[in-house]
């Protein structure tokens, strides 16, 4: 059991060395409430481990190792002691200077420090209030617009086996017929027909039909199809879209109210967005500055040439303000 525990510990640690050091998970909060200066264990070589040192080690562990430590801290201490002894034995025999261990250690060190540098740099990137205001002013007509819309939905079914009439007795339309009907309704609306009356008589969306066509308040940041986005956010109050096709029907949307979300409502959202933009610009500037002279062309032009160039390390998402 202990050997399996150690193998899992070592495997998770190796995987961790090639990834971004994780933030301490929620389990860290359930550690014993012991002062940092208190010695919690003494190993067979005389090394003393304090609670503060354990907390720092715990915070750097992969999530799987943290879970192990929380389940059985006595076992974790034993395994930590075993890892220390094996590491000392390897160093005494200069195993750390032999391949492939030397190269693996160097790679792990570079990876951890590179990710640490990115994390530190991103944390220290400043977003000024003026940056937030400028971003808002530049994007309020797109990202921060919101349009409350009513809808008429005309469904269609091109399946030849579809019945001539639906459960409600309405004729089942194919795509061509549905589009023609939608265009006819648009012409009627533009001629002054009552939109809500047309909703009640024609819309196949029962949910919005029961609410006089009230459909949704759509925002520029919503995940909606590009064709819908372009059409909806070009509307002025009272205007309607052309028929907007979906897989099984056409929508006619009318803008009931066009507003802009106030800066006070989106300030934190913009702060994070600007932070991410600046972070991306920072890493891209470094990446662009990397110059490598290929001396032996056969090295990069051989049969094992990768399909795509390696990408720069991923920039962590900016923490929410």
C-alpha atoms as a PDB file:
ATOM      1  CA  UNK A   1       0.000   0.000   0.000  1.00  0.00           C
ATOM      2  CA  UNK A   2       2.815   2.382   0.898  1.00  0.00           C
ATOM      3  CA  UNK A   3       4.642   1.609  -2.352  1.00  0.00           C
ATOM      4  CA  UNK A   4       1.498   2.372  -4.348  1.00  0.00           C
ATOM      5  CA  UNK A   5       1.078   5.588  -2.365  1.00  0.00           C
ATOM      6  CA  UNK A   6       4.661   6.609  -3.164  1.00  0.00           C
ATOM      7  CA  UNK A   7       4.326   5.769  -6.848  1.00  0.00           C
ATOM      8  CA  UNK A   8       1.162   7.884  -7.074  1.00  0.00           C
ATOM      9  CA  UNK A   9       2.912  10.680  -5.182  1.00  0.00           C
ATOM     10  CA  UNK A  10       5.892  10.602  -7.532  1.00  0.00           C
ATOM     11  CA  UNK A  11       3.762  10.363 -10.679  1.00  0.00           C
ATOM     12  CA  UNK A  12       1.633  13.339  -9.711  1.00  0.00           C
ATOM     13  CA  UNK A  13       4.721  15.327  -8.815  1.00  0.00           C
ATOM     14  CA  UNK A  14       6.296  14.597 -12.197  1.00  0.00           C
ATOM     15  CA  UNK A  15       3.148  15.720 -13.996  1.00  0.00           C
ATOM     16  CA  UNK A  16       3.012  18.841 -11.868  1.00  0.00           C
ATOM     17  CA  UNK A  17       6.569  19.766 -12.804  1.00  0.00           C
ATOM     18  CA  UNK A  18       5.398  20.176 -16.402  1.00  0.00           C
ATOM     19  CA  UNK A  19       2.386  22.364 -15.670  1.00  0.00           C
ATOM     20  CA  UNK A  20       1.465  25.587 -13.969  1.00  0.00           C
ATOM     21  CA  UNK A  21       1.823  25.277 -10.177  1.00  0.00           C
ATOM     22  CA  UNK A  22      -1.762  25.016  -8.893  1.00  0.00           C
ATOM     23  CA  UNK A  23      -3.366  27.302  -6.372  1.00  0.00           C
ATOM     24  CA  UNK A  24      -4.140  25.667  -3.005  1.00  0.00           C
ATOM     25  CA  UNK A  25      -7.616  24.092  -3.168  1.00  0.00           C
ATOM     26  CA  UNK A  26     -10.327  24.313  -0.567  1.00  0.00           C
ATOM     27  CA  UNK A  27      -8.841  21.451   1.486  1.00  0.00           C
ATOM     28  CA  UNK A  28      -6.080  23.795   2.666  1.00  0.00           C
ATOM     29  CA  UNK A  29      -8.602  25.495   4.900  1.00  0.00           C
ATOM     30  CA  UNK A  30      -9.041  22.315   6.951  1.00  0.00           C
ATOM     31  CA  UNK A  31      -5.401  22.028   8.022  1.00  0.00           C
ATOM     32  CA  UNK A  32      -4.835  21.869  11.796  1.00  0.00           C
ATOM     33  CA  UNK A  33      -4.840  25.254  13.524  1.00  0.00           C
ATOM     34  CA  UNK A  34      -1.250  25.042  14.759  1.00  0.00           C
ATOM     35  CA  UNK A  35       1.162  28.019  15.017  1.00  0.00           C
ATOM     36  CA  UNK A  36       3.669  28.244  12.170  1.00  0.00           C
ATOM     37  CA  UNK A  37       6.699  27.977  14.468  1.00  0.00           C
ATOM     38  CA  UNK A  38       5.536  24.681  15.990  1.00  0.00           C
ATOM     39  CA  UNK A  39       7.633  21.643  15.029  1.00  0.00           C
ATOM     40  CA  UNK A  40       5.276  18.941  13.746  1.00  0.00           C
ATOM     41  CA  UNK A  41       7.822  16.239  12.832  1.00  0.00           C
ATOM     42  CA  UNK A  42      11.515  15.369  13.068  1.00  0.00           C
ATOM     43  CA  UNK A  43      12.988  13.133  10.379  1.00  0.00           C
ATOM     44  CA  UNK A  44      15.637  10.472  10.929  1.00  0.00           C
ATOM     45  CA  UNK A  45      18.421  12.773   9.693  1.00  0.00           C
ATOM     46  CA  UNK A  46      17.483  15.340  12.372  1.00  0.00           C
ATOM     47  CA  UNK A  47      15.649  17.708  10.011  1.00  0.00           C
ATOM     48  CA  UNK A  48      12.728  19.449  11.765  1.00  0.00           C
ATOM     49  CA  UNK A  49       9.540  20.325   9.909  1.00  0.00           C
ATOM     50  CA  UNK A  50       7.480  23.221  11.280  1.00  0.00           C
ATOM     51  CA  UNK A  51       3.813  23.831  10.645  1.00  0.00           C
ATOM     52  CA  UNK A  52       4.686  26.924   8.601  1.00  0.00           C
ATOM     53  CA  UNK A  53       7.046  24.910   6.395  1.00  0.00           C
ATOM     54  CA  UNK A  54       4.374  22.247   5.925  1.00  0.00           C
ATOM     55  CA  UNK A  55       1.823  24.889   4.916  1.00  0.00           C
ATOM     56  CA  UNK A  56       4.216  26.220   2.262  1.00  0.00           C
ATOM     57  CA  UNK A  57       4.948  22.713   0.967  1.00  0.00           C
ATOM     58  CA  UNK A  58       1.229  21.900   0.971  1.00  0.00           C
ATOM     59  CA  UNK A  59       0.418  25.031  -1.029  1.00  0.00           C
ATOM     60  CA  UNK A  60       2.919  23.979  -3.733  1.00  0.00           C
ATOM     61  CA  UNK A  61       1.675  20.396  -4.006  1.00  0.00           C
ATOM     62  CA  UNK A  62      -0.527  19.186  -6.861  1.00  0.00           C
ATOM     63  CA  UNK A  63      -4.178  18.751  -5.919  1.00  0.00           C
ATOM     64  CA  UNK A  64      -3.877  14.959  -5.822  1.00  0.00           C
ATOM     65  CA  UNK A  65      -0.995  15.105  -3.346  1.00  0.00           C
ATOM     66  CA  UNK A  66      -2.885  17.617  -1.232  1.00  0.00           C
ATOM     67  CA  UNK A  67      -5.794  15.224  -1.049  1.00  0.00           C
ATOM     68  CA  UNK A  68      -3.461  12.436   0.068  1.00  0.00           C
ATOM     69  CA  UNK A  69      -1.976  14.659   2.745  1.00  0.00           C
ATOM     70  CA  UNK A  70      -5.412  15.590   4.027  1.00  0.00           C
ATOM     71  CA  UNK A  71      -6.547  11.972   4.167  1.00  0.00           C
ATOM     72  CA  UNK A  72      -3.559  10.728   6.200  1.00  0.00           C
ATOM     73  CA  UNK A  73      -0.983  13.289   7.302  1.00  0.00           C
ATOM     74  CA  UNK A  74       1.038  10.687   9.218  1.00  0.00           C
ATOM     75  CA  UNK A  75       1.394   8.613   6.059  1.00  0.00           C
ATOM     76  CA  UNK A  76       2.249  11.757   4.103  1.00  0.00           C
ATOM     77  CA  UNK A  77       5.066  12.573   6.550  1.00  0.00           C
ATOM     78  CA  UNK A  78       6.447   9.059   6.167  1.00  0.00           C
ATOM     79  CA  UNK A  79       6.365   9.318   2.371  1.00  0.00           C
ATOM     80  CA  UNK A  80       7.950  12.770   2.494  1.00  0.00           C
ATOM     81  CA  UNK A  81      10.750  11.306   4.594  1.00  0.00           C
ATOM     82  CA  UNK A  82      11.179   8.456   2.105  1.00  0.00           C
ATOM     83  CA  UNK A  83      11.336  10.913  -0.811  1.00  0.00           C
ATOM     84  CA  UNK A  84      13.935  12.999   1.051  1.00  0.00           C
ATOM     85  CA  UNK A  85      16.088   9.928   1.725  1.00  0.00           C
ATOM     86  CA  UNK A  86      15.880   8.653  -1.857  1.00  0.00           C
ATOM     87  CA  UNK A  87      16.681  12.127  -3.185  1.00  0.00           C
ATOM     88  CA  UNK A  88      19.726  12.363  -0.898  1.00  0.00           C
ATOM     89  CA  UNK A  89      20.909   8.948  -2.079  1.00  0.00           C
ATOM     90  CA  UNK A  90      20.541  10.059  -5.711  1.00  0.00           C
ATOM     91  CA  UNK A  91      22.482  13.265  -5.035  1.00  0.00           C
ATOM     92  CA  UNK A  92      25.239  11.376  -3.195  1.00  0.00           C
ATOM     93  CA  UNK A  93      25.736   9.168  -6.238  1.00  0.00           C
ATOM     94  CA  UNK A  94      25.485  12.229  -8.516  1.00  0.00           C
ATOM     95  CA  UNK A  95      22.461  10.767 -10.277  1.00  0.00           C
ATOM     96  CA  UNK A  96      21.270  14.337 -10.777  1.00  0.00           C
ATOM     97  CA  UNK A  97      24.263  14.874 -13.095  1.00  0.00           C
ATOM     98  CA  UNK A  98      23.438  11.906 -15.336  1.00  0.00           C
ATOM     99  CA  UNK A  99      21.110  11.764 -18.341  1.00  0.00           C
ATOM    100  CA  UNK A 100      18.159  11.806 -18.571  1.00  0.00           C
ATOM    101  CA  UNK A 101      17.718  13.012 -14.967  1.00  0.00           C
ATOM    102  CA  UNK A 102      19.925  16.077 -15.419  1.00  0.00           C
ATOM    103  CA  UNK A 103      17.925  17.231 -18.424  1.00  0.00           C
ATOM    104  CA  UNK A 104      14.590  16.412 -16.794  1.00  0.00           C
ATOM    105  CA  UNK A 105      15.503  18.473 -13.741  1.00  0.00           C
ATOM    106  CA  UNK A 106      16.600  21.387 -15.931  1.00  0.00           C
ATOM    107  CA  UNK A 107      13.388  21.218 -17.958  1.00  0.00           C
ATOM    108  CA  UNK A 108      11.192  21.049 -14.863  1.00  0.00           C
ATOM    109  CA  UNK A 109      13.045  24.000 -13.350  1.00  0.00           C
ATOM    110  CA  UNK A 110      12.648  26.101 -16.498  1.00  0.00           C
ATOM    111  CA  UNK A 111       8.978  25.243 -16.822  1.00  0.00           C
ATOM    112  CA  UNK A 112       8.121  26.053 -13.216  1.00  0.00           C
ATOM    113  CA  UNK A 113      10.106  29.300 -13.214  1.00  0.00           C
ATOM    114  CA  UNK A 114       8.666  30.365 -16.590  1.00  0.00           C
ATOM    115  CA  UNK A 115       5.129  29.811 -15.363  1.00  0.00           C
ATOM    116  CA  UNK A 116       5.989  31.555 -12.122  1.00  0.00           C
ATOM    117  CA  UNK A 117       7.340  34.541 -14.039  1.00  0.00           C
ATOM    118  CA  UNK A 118       4.176  34.730 -16.125  1.00  0.00           C
ATOM    119  CA  UNK A 119       1.989  34.512 -13.032  1.00  0.00           C
ATOM    120  CA  UNK A 120       3.992  37.184 -11.216  1.00  0.00           C
ATOM    121  CA  UNK A 121       4.066  39.503 -14.208  1.00  0.00           C
ATOM    122  CA  UNK A 122       0.328  39.152 -14.815  1.00  0.00           C
ATOM    123  CA  UNK A 123      -0.404  39.849 -11.151  1.00  0.00           C
ATOM    124  CA  UNK A 124       1.679  43.031 -11.322  1.00  0.00           C
ATOM    125  CA  UNK A 125       0.130  44.373 -14.520  1.00  0.00           C
ATOM    126  CA  UNK A 126      -1.672  47.581 -13.606  1.00  0.00           C
ATOM    127  CA  UNK A 127      -5.102  48.501 -14.907  1.00  0.00           C
ATOM    128  CA  UNK A 128      -5.773  52.173 -14.304  1.00  0.00           C
ATOM    129  CA  UNK A 129      -9.281  53.649 -13.915  1.00  0.00           C
ATOM    130  CA  UNK A 130      -8.672  55.558 -17.149  1.00  0.00           C
ATOM    131  CA  UNK A 131      -8.030  52.251 -18.944  1.00  0.00           C
ATOM    132  CA  UNK A 132     -11.413  50.980 -17.802  1.00  0.00           C
ATOM    133  CA  UNK A 133     -13.225  54.146 -18.887  1.00  0.00           C
ATOM    134  CA  UNK A 134     -11.541  54.161 -22.306  1.00  0.00           C
ATOM    135  CA  UNK A 135     -12.385  50.509 -22.929  1.00  0.00           C
ATOM    136  CA  UNK A 136     -15.984  51.181 -21.953  1.00  0.00           C
ATOM    137  CA  UNK A 137     -16.241  54.195 -24.249  1.00  0.00           C
ATOM    138  CA  UNK A 138     -14.674  52.260 -27.148  1.00  0.00           C
ATOM    139  CA  UNK A 139     -16.983  49.256 -26.740  1.00  0.00           C
ATOM    140  CA  UNK A 140     -20.236  50.435 -25.198  1.00  0.00           C
ATOM    141  CA  UNK A 141     -21.941  50.525 -28.596  1.00  0.00           C
ATOM    142  CA  UNK A 142     -21.171  46.832 -29.145  1.00  0.00           C
ATOM    143  CA  UNK A 143     -20.200  44.829 -26.075  1.00  0.00           C
ATOM    144  CA  UNK A 144     -22.273  46.758 -23.566  1.00  0.00           C
ATOM    145  CA  UNK A 145     -25.367  47.434 -25.609  1.00  0.00           C
ATOM    146  CA  UNK A 146     -28.479  45.524 -24.667  1.00  0.00           C
ATOM    147  CA  UNK A 147     -31.627  45.158 -26.697  1.00  0.00           C
ATOM    148  CA  UNK A 148     -34.946  43.961 -25.312  1.00  0.00           C
ATOM    149  CA  UNK A 149     -36.730  42.197 -28.143  1.00  0.00           C
ATOM    150  CA  UNK A 150     -40.087  40.713 -29.058  1.00  0.00           C
ATOM    151  CA  UNK A 151     -40.173  37.792 -31.471  1.00  0.00           C
ATOM    152  CA  UNK A 152     -42.280  36.059 -34.064  1.00  0.00           C
ATOM    153  CA  UNK A 153     -41.070  32.546 -34.828  1.00  0.00           C
ATOM    154  CA  UNK A 154     -42.101  30.719 -37.992  1.00  0.00           C
ATOM    155  CA  UNK A 155     -41.112  27.056 -37.891  1.00  0.00           C
ATOM    156  CA  UNK A 156     -40.462  24.793 -40.849  1.00  0.00           C
ATOM    157  CA  UNK A 157     -39.862  21.125 -41.513  1.00  0.00           C
ATOM    158  CA  UNK A 158     -38.346  19.880 -44.775  1.00  0.00           C
ATOM    159  CA  UNK A 159     -38.717  16.222 -43.844  1.00  0.00           C
ATOM    160  CA  UNK A 160     -40.903  14.641 -46.579  1.00  0.00           C
ATOM    161  CA  UNK A 161     -42.530  12.442 -43.943  1.00  0.00           C
ATOM    162  CA  UNK A 162     -43.741  15.453 -41.949  1.00  0.00           C
ATOM    163  CA  UNK A 163     -47.502  15.580 -41.529  1.00  0.00           C
ATOM    164  CA  UNK A 164     -49.497  18.175 -43.414  1.00  0.00           C
ATOM    165  CA  UNK A 165     -50.663  19.727 -40.166  1.00  0.00           C
ATOM    166  CA  UNK A 166     -49.146  19.953 -36.695  1.00  0.00           C
ATOM    167  CA  UNK A 167     -50.787  19.048 -33.412  1.00  0.00           C
ATOM    168  CA  UNK A 168     -52.367  22.500 -33.251  1.00  0.00           C
ATOM    169  CA  UNK A 169     -53.923  22.073 -36.688  1.00  0.00           C
ATOM    170  CA  UNK A 170     -51.541  24.521 -38.390  1.00  0.00           C
ATOM    171  CA  UNK A 171     -50.135  23.578 -41.764  1.00  0.00           C
ATOM    172  CA  UNK A 172     -46.548  22.324 -41.619  1.00  0.00           C
ATOM    173  CA  UNK A 173     -44.370  24.615 -43.744  1.00  0.00           C
ATOM    174  CA  UNK A 174     -41.155  23.810 -45.540  1.00  0.00           C
ATOM    175  CA  UNK A 175     -38.242  26.241 -45.437  1.00  0.00           C
ATOM    176  CA  UNK A 176     -39.249  28.122 -48.586  1.00  0.00           C
ATOM    177  CA  UNK A 177     -42.816  28.544 -47.391  1.00  0.00           C
ATOM    178  CA  UNK A 178     -41.730  29.624 -43.922  1.00  0.00           C
ATOM    179  CA  UNK A 179     -39.393  32.274 -45.309  1.00  0.00           C
ATOM    180  CA  UNK A 180     -42.101  33.571 -47.612  1.00  0.00           C
ATOM    181  CA  UNK A 181     -44.512  33.810 -44.693  1.00  0.00           C
ATOM    182  CA  UNK A 182     -41.920  35.644 -42.582  1.00  0.00           C
ATOM    183  CA  UNK A 183     -41.281  38.134 -45.384  1.00  0.00           C
ATOM    184  CA  UNK A 184     -45.030  38.694 -45.773  1.00  0.00           C
ATOM    185  CA  UNK A 185     -45.322  39.409 -42.042  1.00  0.00           C
ATOM    186  CA  UNK A 186     -42.427  41.860 -42.233  1.00  0.00           C
ATOM    187  CA  UNK A 187     -44.145  43.721 -45.039  1.00  0.00           C
ATOM    188  CA  UNK A 188     -47.334  43.876 -42.971  1.00  0.00           C
ATOM    189  CA  UNK A 189     -45.458  45.200 -39.937  1.00  0.00           C
ATOM    190  CA  UNK A 190     -43.778  47.886 -42.010  1.00  0.00           C
ATOM    191  CA  UNK A 191     -47.216  48.861 -43.322  1.00  0.00           C
ATOM    192  CA  UNK A 192     -48.443  49.436 -39.793  1.00  0.00           C
ATOM    193  CA  UNK A 193     -49.838  46.058 -38.690  1.00  0.00           C
ATOM    194  CA  UNK A 194     -49.940  45.432 -34.941  1.00  0.00           C
ATOM    195  CA  UNK A 195     -46.854  43.375 -34.031  1.00  0.00           C
ATOM    196  CA  UNK A 196     -48.375  41.790 -30.918  1.00  0.00           C
ATOM    197  CA  UNK A 197     -51.497  40.792 -32.864  1.00  0.00           C
ATOM    198  CA  UNK A 198     -49.278  39.126 -35.481  1.00  0.00           C
ATOM    199  CA  UNK A 199     -47.384  37.342 -32.720  1.00  0.00           C
ATOM    200  CA  UNK A 200     -50.561  35.848 -31.299  1.00  0.00           C
ATOM    201  CA  UNK A 201     -51.820  34.776 -34.728  1.00  0.00           C
ATOM    202  CA  UNK A 202     -48.582  33.479 -36.256  1.00  0.00           C
ATOM    203  CA  UNK A 203     -45.736  32.746 -33.845  1.00  0.00           C
ATOM    204  CA  UNK A 204     -44.852  29.085 -33.306  1.00  0.00           C
ATOM    205  CA  UNK A 205     -42.890  29.836 -30.135  1.00  0.00           C
ATOM    206  CA  UNK A 206     -45.507  29.176 -27.478  1.00  0.00           C
ATOM    207  CA  UNK A 207     -43.442  30.585 -24.604  1.00  0.00           C
ATOM    208  CA  UNK A 208     -42.921  34.052 -26.099  1.00  0.00           C
ATOM    209  CA  UNK A 209     -46.354  34.040 -27.760  1.00  0.00           C
ATOM    210  CA  UNK A 210     -48.008  33.758 -24.347  1.00  0.00           C
ATOM    211  CA  UNK A 211     -46.034  36.849 -23.261  1.00  0.00           C
ATOM    212  CA  UNK A 212     -47.118  38.961 -26.257  1.00  0.00           C
ATOM    213  CA  UNK A 213     -43.861  38.146 -28.027  1.00  0.00           C
ATOM    214  CA  UNK A 214     -41.500  39.106 -25.204  1.00  0.00           C
ATOM    215  CA  UNK A 215     -38.394  37.093 -26.010  1.00  0.00           C
ATOM    216  CA  UNK A 216     -35.261  38.258 -24.160  1.00  0.00           C
ATOM    217  CA  UNK A 217     -32.915  41.105 -23.339  1.00  0.00           C
ATOM    218  CA  UNK A 218     -29.824  40.386 -25.409  1.00  0.00           C
ATOM    219  CA  UNK A 219     -26.376  41.765 -24.603  1.00  0.00           C
ATOM    220  CA  UNK A 220     -23.366  42.249 -26.808  1.00  0.00           C
ATOM    221  CA  UNK A 221     -21.412  39.841 -24.616  1.00  0.00           C
ATOM    222  CA  UNK A 222     -23.999  37.058 -24.982  1.00  0.00           C
ATOM    223  CA  UNK A 223     -23.102  33.899 -26.881  1.00  0.00           C
ATOM    224  CA  UNK A 224     -25.423  34.288 -29.851  1.00  0.00           C
ATOM    225  CA  UNK A 225     -24.941  33.509 -33.575  1.00  0.00           C
ATOM    226  CA  UNK A 226     -23.003  36.167 -35.488  1.00  0.00           C
ATOM    227  CA  UNK A 227     -25.862  36.761 -37.919  1.00  0.00           C
ATOM    228  CA  UNK A 228     -28.205  37.424 -35.003  1.00  0.00           C
ATOM    229  CA  UNK A 229     -25.660  39.668 -33.277  1.00  0.00           C
ATOM    230  CA  UNK A 230     -25.117  41.809 -36.365  1.00  0.00           C
ATOM    231  CA  UNK A 231     -28.830  42.179 -37.059  1.00  0.00           C
ATOM    232  CA  UNK A 232     -29.986  42.771 -33.486  1.00  0.00           C
ATOM    233  CA  UNK A 233     -27.398  45.351 -32.465  1.00  0.00           C
ATOM    234  CA  UNK A 234     -27.943  47.336 -35.641  1.00  0.00           C
ATOM    235  CA  UNK A 235     -31.576  47.928 -34.648  1.00  0.00           C
ATOM    236  CA  UNK A 236     -32.952  51.150 -33.315  1.00  0.00           C
ATOM    237  CA  UNK A 237     -35.921  51.109 -31.002  1.00  0.00           C
ATOM    238  CA  UNK A 238     -39.054  49.954 -32.867  1.00  0.00           C
ATOM    239  CA  UNK A 239     -37.152  48.494 -35.836  1.00  0.00           C
ATOM    240  CA  UNK A 240     -37.400  44.862 -36.929  1.00  0.00           C
ATOM    241  CA  UNK A 241     -34.935  42.406 -38.415  1.00  0.00           C
ATOM    242  CA  UNK A 242     -35.154  40.549 -41.682  1.00  0.00           C
ATOM    243  CA  UNK A 243     -35.991  36.825 -41.265  1.00  0.00           C
ATOM    244  CA  UNK A 244     -33.206  35.263 -39.161  1.00  0.00           C
ATOM    245  CA  UNK A 245     -32.789  31.611 -39.985  1.00  0.00           C
ATOM    246  CA  UNK A 246     -32.329  28.914 -37.365  1.00  0.00           C
ATOM    247  CA  UNK A 247     -32.152  25.149 -38.019  1.00  0.00           C
ATOM    248  CA  UNK A 248     -35.942  24.729 -37.821  1.00  0.00           C
ATOM    249  CA  UNK A 249     -37.409  28.152 -38.290  1.00  0.00           C
ATOM    250  CA  UNK A 250     -37.141  31.890 -38.922  1.00  0.00           C
ATOM    251  CA  UNK A 251     -37.215  34.634 -36.299  1.00  0.00           C
ATOM    252  CA  UNK A 252     -38.485  38.151 -36.780  1.00  0.00           C
ATOM    253  CA  UNK A 253     -37.215  40.284 -33.901  1.00  0.00           C
ATOM    254  CA  UNK A 254     -38.347  43.773 -32.942  1.00  0.00           C
ATOM    255  CA  UNK A 255     -36.292  46.047 -30.713  1.00  0.00           C
ATOM    256  CA  UNK A 256     -38.525  47.176 -27.864  1.00  0.00           C
ATOM    257  CA  UNK A 257     -35.810  48.983 -25.932  1.00  0.00           C
ATOM    258  CA  UNK A 258     -32.177  49.726 -26.792  1.00  0.00           C
ATOM    259  CA  UNK A 259     -29.944  50.697 -23.875  1.00  0.00           C
ATOM    260  CA  UNK A 260     -26.331  50.593 -22.755  1.00  0.00           C
ATOM    261  CA  UNK A 261     -25.294  48.900 -19.529  1.00  0.00           C
ATOM    262  CA  UNK A 262     -23.890  51.559 -17.177  1.00  0.00           C
ATOM    263  CA  UNK A 263     -20.173  51.622 -16.420  1.00  0.00           C
ATOM    264  CA  UNK A 264     -20.868  50.922 -12.748  1.00  0.00           C
ATOM    265  CA  UNK A 265     -22.427  47.576 -13.710  1.00  0.00           C
ATOM    266  CA  UNK A 266     -19.592  46.377 -15.936  1.00  0.00           C
ATOM    267  CA  UNK A 267     -16.535  47.940 -14.269  1.00  0.00           C
ATOM    268  CA  UNK A 268     -15.188  44.667 -12.822  1.00  0.00           C
ATOM    269  CA  UNK A 269     -15.905  42.823 -16.054  1.00  0.00           C
ATOM    270  CA  UNK A 270     -13.930  45.434 -17.996  1.00  0.00           C
ATOM    271  CA  UNK A 271     -11.099  45.396 -15.441  1.00  0.00           C
ATOM    272  CA  UNK A 272     -10.606  41.661 -16.031  1.00  0.00           C
ATOM    273  CA  UNK A 273     -10.894  42.048 -19.797  1.00  0.00           C
ATOM    274  CA  UNK A 274      -8.293  44.826 -19.927  1.00  0.00           C
ATOM    275  CA  UNK A 275      -6.023  42.839 -17.598  1.00  0.00           C
ATOM    276  CA  UNK A 276      -6.242  39.850 -19.948  1.00  0.00           C
ATOM    277  CA  UNK A 277      -5.537  42.027 -22.984  1.00  0.00           C
ATOM    278  CA  UNK A 278      -2.462  43.566 -21.348  1.00  0.00           C
ATOM    279  CA  UNK A 279      -1.279  40.145 -20.206  1.00  0.00           C
ATOM    280  CA  UNK A 280      -1.614  38.777 -23.716  1.00  0.00           C
ATOM    281  CA  UNK A 281       0.244  41.767 -25.154  1.00  0.00           C
ATOM    282  CA  UNK A 282       3.045  41.258 -22.612  1.00  0.00           C
ATOM    283  CA  UNK A 283       3.654  37.586 -23.417  1.00  0.00           C
ATOM    284  CA  UNK A 284       3.272  38.162 -27.165  1.00  0.00           C
ATOM    285  CA  UNK A 285       5.880  40.932 -27.049  1.00  0.00           C
ATOM    286  CA  UNK A 286       8.311  38.549 -25.366  1.00  0.00           C
ATOM    287  CA  UNK A 287       7.439  35.744 -27.760  1.00  0.00           C
ATOM    288  CA  UNK A 288       7.897  38.006 -30.801  1.00  0.00           C
ATOM    289  CA  UNK A 289      11.316  39.033 -29.482  1.00  0.00           C
ATOM    290  CA  UNK A 290      12.621  35.464 -29.474  1.00  0.00           C
ATOM    291  CA  UNK A 291      15.104  35.003 -32.311  1.00  0.00           C
ATOM    292  CA  UNK A 292      16.551  31.584 -33.099  1.00  0.00           C
ATOM    293  CA  UNK A 293      19.117  31.035 -35.836  1.00  0.00           C
ATOM    294  CA  UNK A 294      18.755  27.588 -37.363  1.00  0.00           C
ATOM    295  CA  UNK A 295      22.271  26.535 -38.354  1.00  0.00           C
ATOM    296  CA  UNK A 296      21.495  23.024 -39.588  1.00  0.00           C
ATOM    297  CA  UNK A 297      18.480  23.123 -41.886  1.00  0.00           C
ATOM    298  CA  UNK A 298      18.138  19.340 -41.889  1.00  0.00           C
ATOM    299  CA  UNK A 299      17.194  19.558 -38.200  1.00  0.00           C
ATOM    300  CA  UNK A 300      13.960  21.427 -38.930  1.00  0.00           C
ATOM    301  CA  UNK A 301      13.259  20.124 -42.424  1.00  0.00           C
ATOM    302  CA  UNK A 302      13.520  16.414 -41.739  1.00  0.00           C
ATOM    303  CA  UNK A 303      10.662  13.875 -41.700  1.00  0.00           C
ATOM    304  CA  UNK A 304       9.983  14.514 -38.021  1.00  0.00           C
ATOM    305  CA  UNK A 305       9.207  18.206 -38.468  1.00  0.00           C
ATOM    306  CA  UNK A 306       6.171  19.048 -36.296  1.00  0.00           C
ATOM    307  CA  UNK A 307       2.891  19.909 -37.994  1.00  0.00           C
ATOM    308  CA  UNK A 308       2.670  23.286 -36.254  1.00  0.00           C
ATOM    309  CA  UNK A 309       5.132  25.563 -34.436  1.00  0.00           C
ATOM    310  CA  UNK A 310       5.244  25.433 -30.666  1.00  0.00           C
ATOM    311  CA  UNK A 311       3.150  28.066 -28.969  1.00  0.00           C
ATOM    312  CA  UNK A 312       4.155  30.434 -26.212  1.00  0.00           C
ATOM    313  CA  UNK A 313       3.251  29.455 -22.632  1.00  0.00           C
ATOM    314  CA  UNK A 314      -0.377  30.092 -21.850  1.00  0.00           C
ATOM    315  CA  UNK A 315      -1.132  33.283 -19.965  1.00  0.00           C
ATOM    316  CA  UNK A 316      -3.265  32.597 -16.875  1.00  0.00           C
ATOM    317  CA  UNK A 317      -6.617  34.376 -16.797  1.00  0.00           C
ATOM    318  CA  UNK A 318      -6.531  37.548 -14.767  1.00  0.00           C
ATOM    319  CA  UNK A 319      -7.904  37.050 -11.265  1.00  0.00           C
ATOM    320  CA  UNK A 320     -11.193  38.774 -10.686  1.00  0.00           C
ATOM    321  CA  UNK A 321     -10.811  42.092  -8.983  1.00  0.00           C
END
